[in-house]
Amino acid sequence: MGLMWFIEGILVSLAGFGMVALARRYPIDWKAWVGMITGCLLVLFSVAWAAASFAEGEPQSGAMGIVVFGGAGLVILALTWRLNVQPAVQRATSRG
């Protein structure tokens, strides 16, 4: 179980570094930050929920956690990308 939390910590760190690298390269506003953080937290929570549920012998709970929390996180990330990040990337690349 300790290895799972170690891997979860690595994933959180990688997600944080990725968001900071994206923000340094392209100007994004606070709405994009809120969406990216919320979406990443939900996806990572679903991974932790599923791993803990599978380890405790409750595979149905783990699968439902992935569907509910992971699905909501992916929807939030997709909407954030389409509505907030992608326009910022297009503006930055069209300038030069």
Protein backbone atom coordinates (compact mmCIF):
# COMPACT_ATOMS: atom_id res chain seq x y z
CA MET A 1 0.00 0.00 0.00
CA GLY A 2 2.93 2.31 0.64
CA LEU A 3 4.15 1.95 -2.93
CA MET A 4 0.74 3.06 -4.21
CA TRP A 5 0.93 6.30 -2.21
CA PHE A 6 4.50 6.85 -3.41
CA ILE A 7 3.36 6.50 -7.03
CA GLU A 8 0.38 8.78 -6.32
CA GLY A 9 2.78 11.40 -4.96
CA ILE A 10 4.91 11.15 -8.09
CA LEU A 11 1.80 11.60 -10.26
CA VAL A 12 0.74 14.67 -8.26
CA SER A 13 4.22 16.15 -8.67
CA LEU A 14 4.25 15.47 -12.41
CA ALA A 15 0.80 17.01 -12.82
CA GLY A 16 1.93 20.11 -10.91
CA PHE A 17 5.11 20.47 -12.94
CA GLY A 18 3.12 20.04 -16.15
CA MET A 19 0.65 22.76 -15.22
CA VAL A 20 3.44 25.16 -14.24
CA ALA A 21 5.31 24.45 -17.49
CA LEU A 22 2.13 25.10 -19.47
CA ALA A 23 1.53 28.36 -17.60
CA ARG A 24 5.09 29.54 -18.21
CA ARG A 25 4.85 28.88 -21.92
CA TYR A 26 1.36 30.29 -22.52
CA PRO A 27 -0.52 33.01 -20.64
CA ILE A 28 -3.52 31.38 -18.95
CA ASP A 29 -6.02 33.00 -16.63
CA TRP A 30 -7.36 31.98 -13.24
CA LYS A 31 -10.29 30.03 -14.72
CA ALA A 32 -7.86 27.72 -16.49
CA TRP A 33 -5.93 27.20 -13.27
CA VAL A 34 -9.08 26.31 -11.35
CA GLY A 35 -10.20 23.89 -14.05
CA MET A 36 -6.80 22.22 -14.40
CA ILE A 37 -6.33 21.80 -10.66
CA THR A 38 -9.86 20.51 -10.11
CA GLY A 39 -9.68 18.10 -13.03
CA CYS A 40 -6.25 16.76 -12.05
CA LEU A 41 -7.29 16.30 -8.43
CA LEU A 42 -10.40 14.37 -9.46
CA VAL A 43 -8.46 12.11 -11.81
CA LEU A 44 -5.77 11.45 -9.21
CA PHE A 45 -8.42 10.88 -6.54
CA SER A 46 -10.07 8.29 -8.77
CA VAL A 47 -6.75 6.46 -9.17
CA ALA A 48 -6.22 6.44 -5.40
CA TRP A 49 -9.83 5.39 -4.78
CA ALA A 50 -9.57 2.52 -7.24
CA ALA A 51 -6.22 1.28 -5.93
CA ALA A 52 -7.44 1.34 -2.33
CA SER A 53 -10.70 -0.36 -3.26
CA PHE A 54 -8.98 -3.10 -5.25
CA ALA A 55 -6.50 -3.65 -2.42
CA GLU A 56 -9.38 -4.08 0.04
CA GLY A 57 -11.14 -6.57 -2.23
CA GLU A 58 -13.93 -4.27 -3.42
CA PRO A 59 -13.48 -4.19 -7.22
CA GLN A 60 -16.96 -2.80 -7.93
CA SER A 61 -16.29 0.21 -5.72
CA GLY A 62 -12.97 0.78 -7.46
CA ALA A 63 -14.52 0.60 -10.90
CA MET A 64 -17.33 2.98 -9.94
CA GLY A 65 -14.78 5.40 -8.46
CA ILE A 66 -12.90 5.45 -11.74
CA VAL A 67 -16.10 6.03 -13.70
CA VAL A 68 -17.56 8.72 -11.45
CA PHE A 69 -14.51 10.64 -10.26
CA GLY A 70 -12.23 9.98 -13.21
CA GLY A 71 -14.98 10.70 -15.73
CA ALA A 72 -15.86 13.98 -14.04
CA GLY A 73 -12.18 14.94 -13.92
CA LEU A 74 -11.67 14.18 -17.61
CA VAL A 75 -14.76 16.19 -18.54
CA ILE A 76 -13.54 19.17 -16.51
CA LEU A 77 -10.06 18.91 -18.04
CA ALA A 78 -11.46 18.67 -21.57
CA LEU A 79 -13.75 21.67 -21.09
CA THR A 80 -10.96 23.68 -19.49
CA TRP A 81 -8.66 22.89 -22.40
CA ARG A 82 -11.23 23.75 -25.06
CA LEU A 83 -12.58 26.93 -23.43
CA ASN A 84 -9.55 28.42 -21.67
CA VAL A 85 -6.20 26.90 -22.61
CA GLN A 86 -6.57 26.27 -26.34
CA PRO A 87 -7.51 29.90 -27.14
CA ALA A 88 -4.49 31.11 -25.15
CA VAL A 89 -2.22 28.72 -27.05
CA GLN A 90 -3.65 29.86 -30.40
CA ARG A 91 -3.21 33.53 -29.47
CA ALA A 92 0.38 32.94 -28.39
CA THR A 93 1.32 30.96 -31.50
CA SER A 94 -0.35 33.38 -33.92
CA ARG A 95 1.71 36.30 -32.58
CA GLY A 96 4.93 34.82 -33.64
